[in-house]
Amino acid sequence: MNAGIIATRYARAIYKYAAEKGQETLVNTDMQVLVRNFAVYPALRKTMVDPTLSAKQKMDILATAFGNQSDETLQNAIRVIVENGRAPYMESIARMYDTVYRKAKGIVIVHLTTVVSVDKKVEEDFKRIIPLKQGEQIEFQTETKPDIIGGFILEIEDKRLDKSVKYQLNKLKQNATY
């Protein structure tokens, strides 16, 4: 079965379970800790696919990766994942949970990349021009990258508007005839 389908199904099920208990935000915070730990400790991925480790050992390792502070709701979800042999998908499930959580809560991620840092007025100007559906809210993230030379790159969820000087120069270069 496709890893994306598995991660999506488990993430939705965990969200539904956590929401029933009123713990969906806490679970999302814990899942983000896990995602960061997978990035920082690549050996964590290897332990999840290691067939010599028992389900109990994998659950203990994941508990440590969560910082041993995860609540009972998440611990139950982890137990089901590991016991069903889906531990190798844990990182993907954690990432997908954030997507499911944001969609359910109406949170739209907007990422703005510029050459220099922008002030709050520029952020507010961008927030005003971004079309939102009723009840949606923006989580605005900024980043500076001097290599884009000038202009900006605006990413809204999976859409990208690249108005950087670097992009424009690359387009000119590609369309140039010699």
Protein backbone atom coordinates (compact mmCIF):
# COMPACT_ATOMS: atom_id res chain seq x y z
CA MET A 1 0.00 0.00 0.00
CA ASN A 2 1.19 3.55 -0.73
CA ALA A 3 2.98 5.21 2.21
CA GLY A 4 1.05 8.44 1.64
CA ILE A 5 -2.27 6.65 1.88
CA ILE A 6 -1.22 4.86 5.06
CA ALA A 7 0.01 8.09 6.67
CA THR A 8 -3.15 9.95 5.68
CA ARG A 9 -5.48 7.27 7.01
CA TYR A 10 -3.69 6.99 10.33
CA ALA A 11 -3.35 10.77 10.71
CA ARG A 12 -7.08 11.25 10.11
CA ALA A 13 -7.96 8.47 12.54
CA ILE A 14 -5.66 9.90 15.22
CA TYR A 15 -7.11 13.37 14.68
CA LYS A 16 -10.65 12.07 15.02
CA TYR A 17 -9.74 10.13 18.15
CA ALA A 18 -7.88 13.12 19.67
CA ALA A 19 -10.70 15.53 18.76
CA GLU A 20 -13.24 13.32 20.52
CA LYS A 21 -11.12 13.67 23.65
CA GLY A 22 -10.46 17.39 23.11
CA GLN A 23 -6.73 16.69 22.77
CA GLU A 24 -6.14 17.45 19.07
CA THR A 25 -4.01 20.56 19.71
CA LEU A 26 -1.87 18.82 22.33
CA VAL A 27 -1.39 15.84 20.02
CA ASN A 28 -0.37 18.20 17.19
CA THR A 29 2.26 19.79 19.43
CA ASP A 30 3.63 16.36 20.33
CA MET A 31 3.62 15.27 16.69
CA GLN A 32 5.68 18.33 15.76
CA VAL A 33 8.22 17.38 18.44
CA LEU A 34 8.43 13.96 16.83
CA VAL A 35 8.88 15.43 13.34
CA ARG A 36 11.76 17.60 14.63
CA ASN A 37 13.35 14.59 16.33
CA PHE A 38 13.18 12.54 13.14
CA ALA A 39 15.04 15.39 11.42
CA VAL A 40 17.65 15.76 14.16
CA TYR A 41 18.20 12.04 14.77
CA PRO A 42 18.25 10.11 11.46
CA ALA A 43 18.87 6.87 13.39
CA LEU A 44 15.29 7.15 14.64
CA ARG A 45 14.06 6.24 11.14
CA LYS A 46 16.28 3.15 11.14
CA THR A 47 14.92 1.94 14.45
CA MET A 48 11.36 2.12 13.17
CA VAL A 49 12.15 -0.27 10.30
CA ASP A 50 14.41 -2.57 12.32
CA PRO A 51 12.73 -6.01 12.39
CA THR A 52 14.86 -7.14 15.34
CA LEU A 53 13.23 -4.63 17.69
CA SER A 54 10.03 -5.60 19.44
CA ALA A 55 6.88 -3.47 19.38
CA LYS A 56 7.54 -2.60 23.05
CA GLN A 57 11.06 -1.40 22.24
CA LYS A 58 9.78 0.74 19.37
CA MET A 59 7.07 2.25 21.59
CA ASP A 60 9.71 3.04 24.23
CA ILE A 61 11.92 4.68 21.61
CA LEU A 62 8.99 6.76 20.34
CA ALA A 63 8.08 7.74 23.90
CA THR A 64 11.63 9.03 24.32
CA ALA A 65 11.39 10.87 20.99
CA PHE A 66 8.24 12.57 22.26
CA GLY A 67 10.15 13.55 25.37
CA ASN A 68 8.19 11.12 27.59
CA GLN A 69 5.56 13.85 27.97
CA SER A 70 2.94 12.69 25.48
CA ASP A 71 -0.55 12.28 26.84
CA GLU A 72 -2.53 9.05 27.02
CA THR A 73 -4.41 9.82 23.80
CA LEU A 74 -1.20 9.91 21.78
CA GLN A 75 0.29 6.94 23.62
CA ASN A 76 -2.75 4.85 22.68
CA ALA A 77 -2.46 5.95 19.05
CA ILE A 78 1.25 5.09 18.98
CA ARG A 79 0.54 1.68 20.47
CA VAL A 80 -1.99 0.92 17.71
CA ILE A 81 0.41 2.12 15.01
CA VAL A 82 3.31 0.01 16.29
CA GLU A 83 1.22 -3.08 17.00
CA ASN A 84 -0.21 -2.92 13.47
CA GLY A 85 3.32 -2.95 12.04
CA ARG A 86 3.11 0.65 10.86
CA ALA A 87 6.05 2.04 12.88
CA PRO A 88 8.07 2.63 9.68
CA TYR A 89 5.40 5.19 8.69
CA MET A 90 5.50 7.08 11.99
CA GLU A 91 7.36 10.10 10.62
CA SER A 92 4.97 10.39 7.67
CA ILE A 93 1.98 9.99 9.99
CA ALA A 94 3.28 12.75 12.27
CA ARG A 95 3.78 15.09 9.30
CA MET A 96 0.37 14.27 7.88
CA TYR A 97 -1.27 14.82 11.25
CA ASP A 98 -0.20 18.47 11.11
CA THR A 99 -1.80 18.81 7.67
CA VAL A 100 -5.03 17.19 8.86
CA TYR A 101 -5.01 19.34 12.00
CA ARG A 102 -4.50 22.61 10.10
CA LYS A 103 -7.20 21.78 7.60
CA ALA A 104 -9.68 20.92 10.35
CA LYS A 105 -8.85 24.12 12.23
CA GLY A 106 -8.92 26.31 9.10
CA ILE A 107 -5.27 27.34 9.43
CA VAL A 108 -3.61 28.42 6.17
CA ILE A 109 0.19 28.51 6.10
CA VAL A 110 1.61 31.47 4.23
CA HIS A 111 5.38 31.59 3.74
CA LEU A 112 7.05 34.77 2.48
CA THR A 113 10.68 34.74 1.38
CA THR A 114 12.48 38.06 0.84
CA VAL A 115 16.04 39.34 0.63
CA VAL A 116 15.73 41.35 3.84
CA SER A 117 13.45 40.82 6.81
CA VAL A 118 10.03 42.45 6.55
CA ASP A 119 8.26 44.48 9.20
CA LYS A 120 4.78 43.86 10.60
CA LYS A 121 3.19 46.37 8.18
CA VAL A 122 4.36 44.38 5.16
CA GLU A 123 3.07 41.17 6.79
CA GLU A 124 -0.30 42.81 7.38
CA ASP A 125 -0.41 44.07 3.76
CA PHE A 126 0.16 40.53 2.48
CA LYS A 127 -2.42 39.11 4.89
CA ARG A 128 -5.02 41.58 3.56
CA ILE A 129 -4.58 40.55 -0.07
CA ILE A 130 -4.66 36.78 0.52
CA PRO A 131 -8.13 35.40 -0.17
CA LEU A 132 -9.46 33.28 2.67
CA LYS A 133 -12.59 31.22 3.08
CA GLN A 134 -14.94 31.93 5.96
CA GLY A 135 -13.38 30.93 9.28
CA GLU A 136 -9.84 30.46 7.96
CA GLN A 137 -6.89 32.08 9.65
CA ILE A 138 -3.35 32.69 8.45
CA GLU A 139 -0.19 31.37 10.04
CA PHE A 140 2.39 33.73 8.53
CA GLN A 141 6.01 32.62 8.27
CA THR A 142 8.87 34.71 6.91
CA GLU A 143 12.33 33.83 5.74
CA THR A 144 15.23 35.82 4.34
CA LYS A 145 17.33 34.51 1.45
CA PRO A 146 19.81 36.95 -0.05
CA ASP A 147 20.35 34.65 -3.06
CA ILE A 148 16.92 35.56 -4.54
CA ILE A 149 18.54 38.99 -5.26
CA GLY A 150 15.29 40.95 -4.90
CA GLY A 151 11.52 40.64 -5.03
CA PHE A 152 9.72 37.92 -3.08
CA ILE A 153 8.45 34.36 -3.12
CA LEU A 154 4.98 33.84 -1.65
CA GLU A 155 3.81 30.32 -0.86
CA ILE A 156 0.24 29.69 0.23
CA GLU A 157 -0.23 26.03 1.19
CA ASP A 158 0.86 24.24 -2.02
CA LYS A 159 0.72 27.27 -4.35
CA ARG A 160 3.79 29.34 -5.14
CA LEU A 161 4.14 32.85 -6.59
CA ASP A 162 7.78 33.51 -7.42
CA LYS A 163 8.43 37.17 -8.14
CA SER A 164 12.10 37.05 -7.23
CA VAL A 165 14.77 38.67 -9.38
CA LYS A 166 16.64 35.36 -9.47
CA TYR A 167 13.60 33.60 -10.98
CA GLN A 168 13.06 36.37 -13.54
CA LEU A 169 16.74 36.24 -14.58
CA ASN A 170 16.58 32.45 -14.94
CA LYS A 171 13.48 32.79 -17.14
CA LEU A 172 15.28 35.33 -19.34
CA LYS A 173 18.28 33.02 -19.58
CA GLN A 174 16.10 30.08 -20.61
CA ASN A 175 14.26 32.10 -23.27
CA ALA A 176 17.37 33.75 -24.67
CA THR A 177 18.34 32.94 -28.23
CA TYR A 178 21.98 33.16 -29.18
